[in-house]
C-alpha cells in the first residue's frame, strides 16, 4: 500500500518482481490505491483496511518525503493496533522508495540520512523500513535487503 504518492507502472513491476523473488513466485501480490496524506484515520476505519486478510501488509513510502510521527508513525501504530485487536497475524513491513530522491541527488549521503530519519519514526512502532530504488533494475543486493527486512518483520515467513 503506497502512502501519499502513486507508484507508476514501472515501479509496480519492480516491486512485484522483488516481492515475488522474496516471498515466492506463487505469492499473490496486490498493490492497493495510495493512502492520501493525512488520510490515515479514514483508511484505517474504512474499506482500505477492513478487507485485510493477507499474511503481509507492506507500506511503501517515498523516501523524499519528510517522515512525520503524526502521520507516518500514527499510520503504522494504527495498523498494529487494529491487527492486534482483530487477532490477526498479518506481518507489517515498509519499503522506502528512494527512486525520486536518487534521481535528484545520485548517491548523495543525504539518502542514508533521510532513510535513518524514516527508521527513527517507524522503529518505535516495530517497523524497520528497507530503502530500495524501485525505478531501476534491482541488483541482487536489493533482493537481499528486502528479504532481510521482511524476515525481520516476521521471522520464519520470508525464505
Foldseek 3Di string as FASTA:
>chain_A
DEEADDDDPLLVVLVVVLCCVWQHVPDDDDDDDYQHFVNLVVCLPDDVNVPDQDQEDEYEYALVDQDDLVTPVVNLLSSVVVCVVVVHNRFYEYEHADQVVCVVPPPDPVSVVSLVSNQVNHVVSPYRYFYDHSNDDDDPVSSVSVNVRVCSRPPPNID
